[in-house]
Amino acid sequence: ENLSHSESEAERAQYLRRASDATDRLRQILNGMSEAARLEQSFDHADKELFDLAEVASQATAAYQGVDPSHRIQYVGPEQGLAMTGSPELIVQLLDKLVDNARDFTPKGGLIQVALTSQRDGLCLTVFNEGSALPDDPGTAIFDPFIYLRNGHEEGHLGQGLLIVRLIAEFHGAKVDADNATEGSVDGVRFRVTLPPND
């Protein structure tokens, strides 16, 4: 409607640009909703097996560094010996989403660190990235659909990737959260997935 009443090429170009941006956002929303729906349907057929999470995390991190030389992507933790029961394919998908999210907010040459530790209450898988911070108290909203919480950026994710992280974590009986953190002297954000002890 605004386009039909515009009186100059500059105004028409502005309204066309806004319409294009809105269409792109809608496409992201629809794609994300479809991916989340497919994922939830796949849970009915997903087989859980005993596998080595340390091997999966370390090998996946090496692959991320191989395809992204513009960031420093590191793995910290044992190379093997931390077993869990679940779906290795889904855990890799969870890790993919966390690292993709980290890459979008990490400056060129910045640090992305995947870490895995064994704790009394299970295994803890984390992804830290150097870059923009979360609000002081994001709660769990960051893992809800269409939520965007990162300081210092005008545009960003609509929450679909992190929604998928939450769904996969819940399928494995895991808890997931995020907070601002410091790694060495580097400030950033750390996402944490706490997996239950292996039965």
N, C-alpha and C. Protein backbone atom coordinates (compact mmCIF):
# COMPACT_ATOMS: atom_id res chain seq x y z
N GLU A 1 0.83 -1.20 0.00
CA GLU A 1 0.00 0.00 0.00
C GLU A 1 0.87 1.25 0.00
N ASN A 2 1.92 1.23 0.84
CA ASN A 2 2.84 2.37 0.85
C ASN A 2 3.53 2.53 -0.50
N LEU A 3 3.88 1.41 -1.09
CA LEU A 3 4.56 1.44 -2.39
C LEU A 3 3.68 2.10 -3.44
N SER A 4 2.38 1.82 -3.41
CA SER A 4 1.49 2.36 -4.42
C SER A 4 1.32 3.87 -4.28
N HIS A 5 1.59 4.40 -3.08
CA HIS A 5 1.45 5.83 -2.85
C HIS A 5 2.79 6.57 -2.88
N SER A 6 3.88 5.86 -3.09
CA SER A 6 5.19 6.51 -3.10
C SER A 6 5.32 7.40 -4.33
N GLU A 7 6.03 8.51 -4.15
CA GLU A 7 6.11 9.52 -5.20
C GLU A 7 7.48 9.60 -5.86
N SER A 8 8.45 8.84 -5.37
CA SER A 8 9.79 8.91 -5.97
C SER A 8 10.40 7.52 -6.04
N GLU A 9 11.42 7.39 -6.88
CA GLU A 9 12.12 6.11 -7.00
C GLU A 9 12.78 5.73 -5.68
N ALA A 10 13.28 6.72 -4.95
CA ALA A 10 13.94 6.44 -3.67
C ALA A 10 12.96 5.84 -2.68
N GLU A 11 11.74 6.40 -2.62
CA GLU A 11 10.72 5.85 -1.72
C GLU A 11 10.33 4.45 -2.14
N ARG A 12 10.14 4.24 -3.44
CA ARG A 12 9.75 2.92 -3.93
C ARG A 12 10.84 1.89 -3.61
N ALA A 13 12.10 2.28 -3.79
CA ALA A 13 13.21 1.37 -3.49
C ALA A 13 13.24 1.02 -2.01
N GLN A 14 12.93 2.02 -1.16
CA GLN A 14 12.91 1.77 0.29
C GLN A 14 11.83 0.77 0.67
N TYR A 15 10.63 0.92 0.13
CA TYR A 15 9.54 0.02 0.47
C TYR A 15 9.78 -1.39 -0.09
N LEU A 16 10.38 -1.46 -1.29
CA LEU A 16 10.72 -2.77 -1.86
C LEU A 16 11.76 -3.48 -1.00
N ARG A 17 12.72 -2.72 -0.49
CA ARG A 17 13.75 -3.31 0.37
C ARG A 17 13.14 -3.84 1.66
N ARG A 18 12.22 -3.07 2.24
CA ARG A 18 11.56 -3.53 3.47
C ARG A 18 10.72 -4.78 3.21
N ALA A 19 10.03 -4.81 2.08
CA ALA A 19 9.22 -5.99 1.75
C ALA A 19 10.10 -7.21 1.55
N SER A 20 11.25 -7.02 0.90
CA SER A 20 12.18 -8.13 0.68
C SER A 20 12.73 -8.66 2.00
N ASP A 21 13.08 -7.74 2.91
CA ASP A 21 13.60 -8.15 4.22
C ASP A 21 12.53 -8.92 5.00
N ALA A 22 11.29 -8.45 4.95
CA ALA A 22 10.21 -9.14 5.66
C ALA A 22 9.97 -10.53 5.08
N THR A 23 10.05 -10.64 3.76
CA THR A 23 9.89 -11.95 3.12
C THR A 23 10.99 -12.90 3.55
N ASP A 24 12.22 -12.41 3.63
CA ASP A 24 13.34 -13.25 4.08
C ASP A 24 13.13 -13.73 5.51
N ARG A 25 12.63 -12.84 6.38
CA ARG A 25 12.38 -13.25 7.77
C ARG A 25 11.30 -14.31 7.84
N LEU A 26 10.25 -14.15 7.07
CA LEU A 26 9.18 -15.15 7.04
C LEU A 26 9.70 -16.49 6.54
N ARG A 27 10.57 -16.44 5.53
CA ARG A 27 11.14 -17.68 4.99
C ARG A 27 11.97 -18.39 6.06
N GLN A 28 12.75 -17.62 6.83
CA GLN A 28 13.54 -18.21 7.91
C GLN A 28 12.63 -18.87 8.95
N ILE A 29 11.55 -18.18 9.30
CA ILE A 29 10.62 -18.71 10.28
C ILE A 29 10.01 -20.02 9.80
N LEU A 30 9.53 -20.04 8.55
CA LEU A 30 8.89 -21.24 8.01
C LEU A 30 9.88 -22.39 7.90
N ASN A 31 11.09 -22.10 7.44
CA ASN A 31 12.12 -23.15 7.34
C ASN A 31 12.45 -23.71 8.72
N GLY A 32 12.57 -22.80 9.70
CA GLY A 32 12.89 -23.25 11.05
C GLY A 32 11.77 -24.08 11.66
N MET A 33 10.53 -23.67 11.44
CA MET A 33 9.39 -24.43 11.96
C MET A 33 9.33 -25.81 11.32
N SER A 34 9.60 -25.88 10.03
CA SER A 34 9.58 -27.17 9.33
C SER A 34 10.68 -28.08 9.85
N GLU A 35 11.87 -27.50 10.06
CA GLU A 35 12.99 -28.31 10.56
C GLU A 35 12.69 -28.84 11.96
N ALA A 36 12.13 -27.98 12.82
CA ALA A 36 11.81 -28.41 14.18
C ALA A 36 10.73 -29.50 14.17
N ALA A 37 9.73 -29.35 13.29
CA ALA A 37 8.67 -30.35 13.20
C ALA A 37 9.22 -31.69 12.72
N ARG A 38 10.08 -31.65 11.70
CA ARG A 38 10.70 -32.90 11.21
C ARG A 38 11.54 -33.56 12.29
N LEU A 39 12.26 -32.73 13.04
CA LEU A 39 13.10 -33.27 14.10
C LEU A 39 12.26 -33.98 15.15
N GLU A 40 11.18 -33.35 15.60
CA GLU A 40 10.33 -33.97 16.62
C GLU A 40 9.72 -35.27 16.12
N GLN A 41 9.36 -35.33 14.84
CA GLN A 41 8.84 -36.57 14.27
C GLN A 41 9.91 -37.66 14.24
N SER A 42 11.16 -37.25 14.00
CA SER A 42 12.24 -38.24 13.92
C SER A 42 12.53 -38.88 15.27
N PHE A 43 12.17 -38.21 16.38
CA PHE A 43 12.42 -38.77 17.70
C PHE A 43 11.72 -40.12 17.88
N ASP A 44 10.57 -40.29 17.22
CA ASP A 44 9.82 -41.54 17.36
C ASP A 44 10.59 -42.73 16.78
N HIS A 45 11.50 -42.44 15.86
CA HIS A 45 12.23 -43.52 15.19
C HIS A 45 13.72 -43.53 15.52
N ALA A 46 14.15 -42.61 16.37
CA ALA A 46 15.57 -42.51 16.70
C ALA A 46 15.96 -43.62 17.68
N ASP A 47 17.00 -44.34 17.35
CA ASP A 47 17.51 -45.39 18.23
C ASP A 47 18.61 -44.83 19.12
N LYS A 48 18.56 -45.19 20.38
CA LYS A 48 19.62 -44.80 21.30
C LYS A 48 20.62 -45.94 21.41
N GLU A 49 21.88 -45.57 21.42
CA GLU A 49 22.96 -46.56 21.49
C GLU A 49 24.07 -46.02 22.38
N LEU A 50 24.93 -46.92 22.80
CA LEU A 50 26.09 -46.52 23.58
C LEU A 50 27.19 -46.05 22.63
N PHE A 51 27.66 -44.82 22.83
CA PHE A 51 28.74 -44.31 21.97
C PHE A 51 29.65 -43.41 22.80
N ASP A 52 30.80 -43.08 22.23
CA ASP A 52 31.81 -42.29 22.92
C ASP A 52 31.63 -40.82 22.56
N LEU A 53 31.10 -40.05 23.48
CA LEU A 53 30.85 -38.63 23.22
C LEU A 53 32.15 -37.87 23.01
N ALA A 54 33.21 -38.28 23.69
CA ALA A 54 34.50 -37.60 23.53
C ALA A 54 34.99 -37.72 22.09
N GLU A 55 34.89 -38.90 21.51
CA GLU A 55 35.30 -39.08 20.12
C GLU A 55 34.46 -38.23 19.19
N VAL A 56 33.16 -38.23 19.40
CA VAL A 56 32.25 -37.46 18.55
C VAL A 56 32.55 -35.97 18.64
N ALA A 57 32.70 -35.45 19.85
CA ALA A 57 32.93 -34.01 20.04
C ALA A 57 34.29 -33.58 19.49
N SER A 58 35.32 -34.37 19.75
CA SER A 58 36.66 -33.98 19.29
C SER A 58 36.76 -34.04 17.77
N GLN A 59 36.21 -35.08 17.16
CA GLN A 59 36.27 -35.20 15.71
C GLN A 59 35.42 -34.14 15.01
N ALA A 60 34.25 -33.85 15.57
CA ALA A 60 33.40 -32.82 14.98
C ALA A 60 34.08 -31.45 15.05
N THR A 61 34.72 -31.16 16.18
CA THR A 61 35.39 -29.87 16.33
C THR A 61 36.53 -29.73 15.33
N ALA A 62 37.28 -30.79 15.11
CA ALA A 62 38.36 -30.76 14.10
C ALA A 62 37.78 -30.48 12.72
N ALA A 63 36.62 -31.06 12.43
CA ALA A 63 35.98 -30.82 11.14
C ALA A 63 35.53 -29.37 11.01
N TYR A 64 35.00 -28.79 12.09
CA TYR A 64 34.58 -27.38 12.04
C TYR A 64 35.77 -26.47 11.73
N GLN A 65 36.91 -26.73 12.38
CA GLN A 65 38.09 -25.91 12.12
C GLN A 65 38.57 -26.07 10.68
N GLY A 66 38.42 -27.28 10.15
CA GLY A 66 38.85 -27.54 8.79
C GLY A 66 38.07 -26.75 7.75
N VAL A 67 36.81 -26.52 8.00
CA VAL A 67 35.98 -25.81 7.01
C VAL A 67 35.87 -24.32 7.33
N ASP A 68 36.42 -23.87 8.46
CA ASP A 68 36.32 -22.46 8.83
C ASP A 68 37.65 -21.94 9.37
N PRO A 69 38.58 -21.63 8.48
CA PRO A 69 39.88 -21.12 8.93
C PRO A 69 39.83 -19.69 9.45
N SER A 70 38.68 -19.01 9.33
CA SER A 70 38.59 -17.62 9.76
C SER A 70 38.36 -17.48 11.27
N HIS A 71 38.11 -18.60 11.96
CA HIS A 71 37.96 -18.59 13.41
C HIS A 71 38.91 -19.61 14.03
N ARG A 72 39.22 -19.40 15.30
CA ARG A 72 40.02 -20.37 16.06
C ARG A 72 39.05 -21.30 16.79
N ILE A 73 38.84 -22.48 16.23
CA ILE A 73 37.88 -23.44 16.80
C ILE A 73 38.67 -24.55 17.48
N GLN A 74 38.55 -24.64 18.80
CA GLN A 74 39.38 -25.56 19.59
C GLN A 74 38.50 -26.54 20.35
N TYR A 75 39.07 -27.71 20.60
CA TYR A 75 38.42 -28.69 21.47
C TYR A 75 39.26 -28.86 22.72
N VAL A 76 38.60 -28.85 23.88
CA VAL A 76 39.26 -29.07 25.16
C VAL A 76 38.55 -30.22 25.85
N GLY A 77 39.29 -31.28 26.13
CA GLY A 77 38.70 -32.45 26.78
C GLY A 77 39.38 -33.71 26.30
N PRO A 78 38.96 -34.85 26.83
CA PRO A 78 39.56 -36.13 26.41
C PRO A 78 39.17 -36.46 24.98
N GLU A 79 40.05 -37.17 24.29
CA GLU A 79 39.79 -37.58 22.92
C GLU A 79 38.88 -38.81 22.86
N GLN A 80 38.81 -39.54 23.95
CA GLN A 80 37.96 -40.72 24.01
C GLN A 80 37.73 -41.10 25.46
N GLY A 81 36.77 -42.00 25.68
CA GLY A 81 36.58 -42.55 27.02
C GLY A 81 35.43 -41.98 27.81
N LEU A 82 34.55 -41.16 27.19
CA LEU A 82 33.37 -40.65 27.90
C LEU A 82 32.12 -41.16 27.18
N ALA A 83 31.62 -42.29 27.67
CA ALA A 83 30.50 -42.94 27.00
C ALA A 83 29.17 -42.35 27.44
N MET A 84 28.21 -42.35 26.52
CA MET A 84 26.84 -41.97 26.84
C MET A 84 25.90 -42.79 25.98
N THR A 85 24.64 -42.87 26.41
CA THR A 85 23.62 -43.56 25.63
C THR A 85 22.72 -42.51 24.99
N GLY A 86 22.61 -42.59 23.68
CA GLY A 86 21.79 -41.63 22.96
C GLY A 86 21.99 -41.81 21.47
N SER A 87 21.69 -40.76 20.73
CA SER A 87 21.84 -40.77 19.28
C SER A 87 23.03 -39.92 18.89
N PRO A 88 24.11 -40.53 18.41
CA PRO A 88 25.28 -39.72 18.01
C PRO A 88 24.95 -38.74 16.90
N GLU A 89 24.05 -39.15 15.99
CA GLU A 89 23.68 -38.25 14.89
C GLU A 89 22.99 -36.99 15.42
N LEU A 90 22.09 -37.17 16.39
CA LEU A 90 21.40 -36.01 16.96
C LEU A 90 22.34 -35.14 17.78
N ILE A 91 23.28 -35.76 18.48
CA ILE A 91 24.25 -34.98 19.26
C ILE A 91 25.12 -34.15 18.32
N VAL A 92 25.51 -34.70 17.18
CA VAL A 92 26.28 -33.93 16.20
C VAL A 92 25.43 -32.78 15.67
N GLN A 93 24.15 -33.02 15.45
CA GLN A 93 23.26 -31.95 14.98
C GLN A 93 23.17 -30.84 16.02
N LEU A 94 23.06 -31.21 17.28
CA LEU A 94 23.05 -30.23 18.37
C LEU A 94 24.33 -29.41 18.36
N LEU A 95 25.47 -30.09 18.23
CA LEU A 95 26.75 -29.41 18.22
C LEU A 95 26.89 -28.51 16.99
N ASP A 96 26.40 -28.99 15.86
CA ASP A 96 26.41 -28.17 14.63
C ASP A 96 25.69 -26.84 14.86
N LYS A 97 24.50 -26.91 15.48
CA LYS A 97 23.71 -25.71 15.70
C LYS A 97 24.41 -24.75 16.65
N LEU A 98 25.01 -25.28 17.70
CA LEU A 98 25.71 -24.42 18.66
C LEU A 98 26.93 -23.75 18.03
N VAL A 99 27.68 -24.50 17.24
CA VAL A 99 28.87 -23.92 16.61
C VAL A 99 28.48 -22.95 15.50
N ASP A 100 27.44 -23.27 14.74
CA ASP A 100 26.95 -22.32 13.72
C ASP A 100 26.52 -21.01 14.37
N ASN A 101 25.80 -21.11 15.48
CA ASN A 101 25.39 -19.92 16.22
C ASN A 101 26.61 -19.14 16.68
N ALA A 102 27.60 -19.85 17.21
CA ALA A 102 28.82 -19.20 17.69
C ALA A 102 29.56 -18.48 16.56
N ARG A 103 29.63 -19.11 15.41
CA ARG A 103 30.34 -18.51 14.28
C ARG A 103 29.70 -17.20 13.85
N ASP A 104 28.38 -17.12 13.92
CA ASP A 104 27.68 -15.92 13.49
C ASP A 104 27.98 -14.72 14.39
N PHE A 105 28.36 -14.97 15.64
CA PHE A 105 28.58 -13.88 16.58
C PHE A 105 30.04 -13.70 16.98
N THR A 106 30.93 -14.46 16.38
CA THR A 106 32.35 -14.39 16.72
C THR A 106 33.09 -13.57 15.68
N PRO A 107 33.86 -12.57 16.09
CA PRO A 107 34.60 -11.78 15.11
C PRO A 107 35.65 -12.62 14.39
N LYS A 108 36.08 -12.15 13.24
CA LYS A 108 37.09 -12.86 12.47
C LYS A 108 38.34 -13.05 13.32
N GLY A 109 38.84 -14.27 13.35
CA GLY A 109 40.00 -14.60 14.16
C GLY A 109 39.67 -14.89 15.61
N GLY A 110 38.38 -14.78 15.97
CA GLY A 110 37.97 -14.98 17.35
C GLY A 110 37.92 -16.45 17.75
N LEU A 111 37.77 -16.66 19.05
CA LEU A 111 37.83 -18.00 19.63
C LEU A 111 36.45 -18.64 19.74
N ILE A 112 36.36 -19.89 19.30
CA ILE A 112 35.21 -20.76 19.58
C ILE A 112 35.78 -22.02 20.22
N GLN A 113 35.33 -22.33 21.42
CA GLN A 113 35.89 -23.47 22.14
C GLN A 113 34.79 -24.47 22.52
N VAL A 114 34.97 -25.69 22.05
CA VAL A 114 34.10 -26.80 22.44
C VAL A 114 34.81 -27.56 23.55
N ALA A 115 34.12 -27.78 24.65
CA ALA A 115 34.75 -28.47 25.79
C ALA A 115 33.82 -29.57 26.30
N LEU A 116 34.45 -30.62 26.81
CA LEU A 116 33.70 -31.75 27.37
C LEU A 116 34.36 -32.20 28.65
N THR A 117 33.56 -32.30 29.71
CA THR A 117 34.07 -32.76 30.99
C THR A 117 33.11 -33.76 31.61
N SER A 118 33.65 -34.59 32.49
CA SER A 118 32.84 -35.53 33.26
C SER A 118 32.65 -34.96 34.65
N GLN A 119 31.39 -34.90 35.09
CA GLN A 119 31.07 -34.36 36.40
C GLN A 119 30.25 -35.38 37.19
N ARG A 120 30.03 -35.08 38.47
CA ARG A 120 29.29 -36.00 39.32
C ARG A 120 27.88 -36.23 38.81
N ASP A 121 27.28 -35.17 38.22
CA ASP A 121 25.90 -35.29 37.75
C ASP A 121 25.80 -35.62 36.26
N GLY A 122 26.91 -36.05 35.65
CA GLY A 122 26.88 -36.48 34.26
C GLY A 122 27.98 -35.84 33.43
N LEU A 123 27.75 -35.73 32.14
CA LEU A 123 28.71 -35.13 31.23
C LEU A 123 28.28 -33.70 30.92
N CYS A 124 29.26 -32.81 30.78
CA CYS A 124 28.97 -31.42 30.48
C CYS A 124 29.65 -31.04 29.17
N LEU A 125 28.84 -30.74 28.16
CA LEU A 125 29.32 -30.32 26.85
C LEU A 125 29.06 -28.83 26.72
N THR A 126 30.10 -28.05 26.45
CA THR A 126 29.93 -26.60 26.34
C THR A 126 30.50 -26.08 25.03
N VAL A 127 29.93 -24.96 24.58
CA VAL A 127 30.47 -24.23 23.43
C VAL A 127 30.58 -22.77 23.85
N PHE A 128 31.81 -22.29 23.90
CA PHE A 128 32.09 -20.89 24.23
C PHE A 128 32.45 -20.15 22.96
N ASN A 129 31.95 -18.91 22.83
CA ASN A 129 32.41 -18.09 21.72
C ASN A 129 32.73 -16.68 22.17
N GLU A 130 33.82 -16.19 21.66
CA GLU A 130 34.18 -14.79 21.85
C GLU A 130 33.19 -13.93 21.08
N GLY A 131 32.75 -12.81 21.69
CA GLY A 131 31.85 -11.95 20.94
C GLY A 131 30.80 -11.30 21.80
N SER A 132 29.70 -10.92 21.17
CA SER A 132 28.66 -10.15 21.82
C SER A 132 28.01 -10.92 22.96
N ALA A 133 27.54 -10.16 23.95
CA ALA A 133 27.03 -10.77 25.18
C ALA A 133 25.52 -10.95 25.13
N LEU A 134 25.05 -11.82 26.03
CA LEU A 134 23.62 -11.97 26.28
C LEU A 134 23.18 -10.93 27.30
N PRO A 135 21.88 -10.63 27.35
CA PRO A 135 21.39 -9.79 28.45
C PRO A 135 21.73 -10.43 29.79
N ASP A 136 21.68 -9.65 30.86
CA ASP A 136 22.10 -10.14 32.16
C ASP A 136 21.32 -11.36 32.62
N ASP A 137 20.04 -11.44 32.28
CA ASP A 137 19.22 -12.55 32.74
C ASP A 137 18.32 -13.06 31.61
N PRO A 138 18.90 -13.79 30.62
CA PRO A 138 18.08 -14.26 29.50
C PRO A 138 17.15 -15.40 29.88
N GLY A 139 17.41 -16.07 31.02
CA GLY A 139 16.59 -17.21 31.41
C GLY A 139 16.63 -18.29 30.34
N THR A 140 15.53 -18.98 30.16
CA THR A 140 15.47 -20.04 29.15
C THR A 140 14.87 -19.54 27.84
N ALA A 141 14.50 -18.26 27.79
CA ALA A 141 13.80 -17.73 26.61
C ALA A 141 14.64 -17.84 25.35
N ILE A 142 15.95 -17.80 25.48
CA ILE A 142 16.81 -17.84 24.31
C ILE A 142 16.63 -19.14 23.52
N PHE A 143 16.13 -20.18 24.16
CA PHE A 143 15.92 -21.47 23.49
C PHE A 143 14.49 -21.63 22.98
N ASP A 144 13.68 -20.60 23.12
CA ASP A 144 12.32 -20.63 22.59
C ASP A 144 12.32 -20.15 21.14
N PRO A 145 11.32 -20.55 20.35
CA PRO A 145 11.29 -20.10 18.96
C PRO A 145 11.08 -18.60 18.85
N PHE A 146 11.75 -18.01 17.85
CA PHE A 146 11.60 -16.60 17.47
C PHE A 146 12.16 -15.63 18.49
N ILE A 147 12.94 -16.12 19.45
CA ILE A 147 13.56 -15.23 20.42
C ILE A 147 14.96 -14.87 19.94
N TYR A 148 15.28 -13.57 20.01
CA TYR A 148 16.60 -13.10 19.60
C TYR A 148 17.21 -12.31 20.74
N LEU A 149 18.28 -12.81 21.32
CA LEU A 149 18.89 -12.14 22.45
C LEU A 149 20.41 -12.10 22.29
N ARG A 150 20.90 -11.03 21.73
CA ARG A 150 22.34 -10.78 21.69
C ARG A 150 22.54 -9.27 21.68
N ASN A 151 23.34 -8.78 22.59
CA ASN A 151 23.59 -7.35 22.64
C ASN A 151 24.55 -6.95 21.53
N GLY A 152 24.32 -5.77 20.98
CA GLY A 152 25.26 -5.22 20.02
C GLY A 152 25.02 -5.62 18.59
N HIS A 153 23.93 -6.33 18.30
CA HIS A 153 23.60 -6.70 16.93
C HIS A 153 22.17 -6.30 16.63
N GLU A 154 21.97 -5.69 15.47
CA GLU A 154 20.63 -5.29 15.09
C GLU A 154 19.85 -6.44 14.48
N GLU A 155 20.56 -7.39 13.86
CA GLU A 155 19.88 -8.50 13.23
C GLU A 155 20.53 -9.80 13.72
N GLY A 156 19.78 -10.86 13.70
CA GLY A 156 20.36 -12.12 14.13
C GLY A 156 19.38 -13.25 14.01
N HIS A 157 19.66 -14.31 14.71
CA HIS A 157 18.84 -15.50 14.63
C HIS A 157 17.44 -15.24 15.16
N LEU A 158 16.51 -15.99 14.65
CA LEU A 158 15.14 -15.94 15.15
C LEU A 158 14.88 -17.07 16.14
N GLY A 159 15.95 -17.68 16.64
CA GLY A 159 15.81 -18.67 17.70
C GLY A 159 15.61 -20.09 17.25
N GLN A 160 15.52 -20.34 15.94
CA GLN A 160 15.20 -21.68 15.49
C GLN A 160 16.33 -22.67 15.76
N GLY A 161 17.57 -22.27 15.52
CA GLY A 161 18.70 -23.17 15.77
C GLY A 161 18.78 -23.57 17.23
N LEU A 162 18.58 -22.61 18.12
CA LEU A 162 18.66 -22.90 19.55
C LEU A 162 17.43 -23.67 20.03
N LEU A 163 16.30 -23.50 19.36
CA LEU A 163 15.14 -24.34 19.67
C LEU A 163 15.47 -25.81 19.38
N ILE A 164 16.14 -26.06 18.29
CA ILE A 164 16.51 -27.43 17.93
C ILE A 164 17.51 -27.99 18.94
N VAL A 165 18.43 -27.15 19.40
CA VAL A 165 19.36 -27.56 20.47
C VAL A 165 18.57 -28.02 21.69
N ARG A 166 17.58 -27.22 22.08
CA ARG A 166 16.77 -27.57 23.27
C ARG A 166 16.01 -28.87 23.07
N LEU A 167 15.42 -29.05 21.88
CA LEU A 167 14.65 -30.27 21.62
C LEU A 167 15.53 -31.51 21.69
N ILE A 168 16.72 -31.44 21.10
CA ILE A 168 17.63 -32.59 21.12
C ILE A 168 18.11 -32.85 22.54
N ALA A 169 18.41 -31.78 23.27
CA ALA A 169 18.85 -31.95 24.66
C ALA A 169 17.75 -32.63 25.48
N GLU A 170 16.51 -32.19 25.33
CA GLU A 170 15.41 -32.78 26.09
C GLU A 170 15.20 -34.24 25.72
N PHE A 171 15.38 -34.57 24.45
CA PHE A 171 15.26 -35.97 24.02
C PHE A 171 16.25 -36.85 24.76
N HIS A 172 17.41 -36.30 25.10
CA HIS A 172 18.44 -37.06 25.82
C HIS A 172 18.37 -36.86 27.33
N GLY A 173 17.31 -36.21 27.80
CA GLY A 173 17.18 -35.98 29.24
C GLY A 173 18.18 -34.98 29.77
N ALA A 174 18.66 -34.10 28.90
CA ALA A 174 19.70 -33.14 29.27
C ALA A 174 19.10 -31.77 29.58
N LYS A 175 19.87 -30.98 30.31
CA LYS A 175 19.54 -29.59 30.57
C LYS A 175 20.44 -28.71 29.71
N VAL A 176 19.90 -27.59 29.23
CA VAL A 176 20.70 -26.68 28.42
C VAL A 176 20.49 -25.26 28.90
N ASP A 177 21.58 -24.50 28.99
CA ASP A 177 21.48 -23.10 29.40
C ASP A 177 22.63 -22.32 28.76
N ALA A 178 22.61 -21.02 28.97
CA ALA A 178 23.64 -20.15 28.40
C ALA A 178 23.85 -18.96 29.32
N ASP A 179 25.09 -18.49 29.36
CA ASP A 179 25.37 -17.29 30.14
C ASP A 179 26.64 -16.62 29.61
N ASN A 180 26.84 -15.39 30.03
CA ASN A 180 28.06 -14.68 29.68
C ASN A 180 29.22 -15.29 30.46
N ALA A 181 30.38 -15.35 29.83
CA ALA A 181 31.50 -16.03 30.46
C ALA A 181 32.81 -15.44 29.96
N THR A 182 33.88 -15.78 30.65
CA THR A 182 35.22 -15.38 30.25
C THR A 182 36.08 -16.62 30.13
N GLU A 183 36.76 -16.75 29.02
CA GLU A 183 37.68 -17.87 28.80
C GLU A 183 39.08 -17.29 28.67
N GLY A 184 39.91 -17.52 29.71
CA GLY A 184 41.20 -16.84 29.75
C GLY A 184 40.95 -15.35 29.94
N SER A 185 41.37 -14.56 28.97
CA SER A 185 41.12 -13.12 29.03
C SER A 185 40.07 -12.69 28.01
N VAL A 186 39.36 -13.67 27.44
CA VAL A 186 38.41 -13.39 26.36
C VAL A 186 36.98 -13.44 26.90
N ASP A 187 36.22 -12.39 26.64
CA ASP A 187 34.81 -12.35 27.04
C ASP A 187 33.92 -12.88 25.93
N GLY A 188 32.83 -13.52 26.33
CA GLY A 188 31.91 -14.06 25.35
C GLY A 188 30.72 -14.72 26.00
N VAL A 189 30.20 -15.74 25.33
CA VAL A 189 29.01 -16.46 25.78
C VAL A 189 29.31 -17.95 25.78
N ARG A 190 28.83 -18.65 26.81
CA ARG A 190 29.01 -20.09 26.89
C ARG A 190 27.65 -20.79 26.95
N PHE A 191 27.45 -21.72 26.02
CA PHE A 191 26.27 -22.59 26.02
C PHE A 191 26.67 -23.91 26.67
N ARG A 192 25.82 -24.41 27.55
CA ARG A 192 26.14 -25.59 28.36
C ARG A 192 25.02 -26.63 28.22
N VAL A 193 25.42 -27.85 27.88
CA VAL A 193 24.49 -28.97 27.81
C VAL A 193 24.93 -29.98 28.87
N THR A 194 24.11 -30.20 29.88
CA THR A 194 24.45 -31.15 30.96
C THR A 194 23.67 -32.43 30.74
N LEU A 195 24.40 -33.47 30.39
CA LEU A 195 23.80 -34.76 30.07
C LEU A 195 23.77 -35.64 31.31
N PRO A 196 22.71 -36.41 31.50
CA PRO A 196 22.61 -37.26 32.70
C PRO A 196 23.65 -38.35 32.70
N PRO A 197 23.95 -38.91 33.88
CA PRO A 197 24.92 -40.02 33.94
C PRO A 197 24.48 -41.17 33.07
N ASN A 198 25.45 -41.88 32.50
CA ASN A 198 25.16 -43.03 31.66
C ASN A 198 24.71 -44.20 32.52
N ASP A 199 23.59 -44.81 32.14
CA ASP A 199 23.07 -45.95 32.90
C ASP A 199 23.82 -47.23 32.55
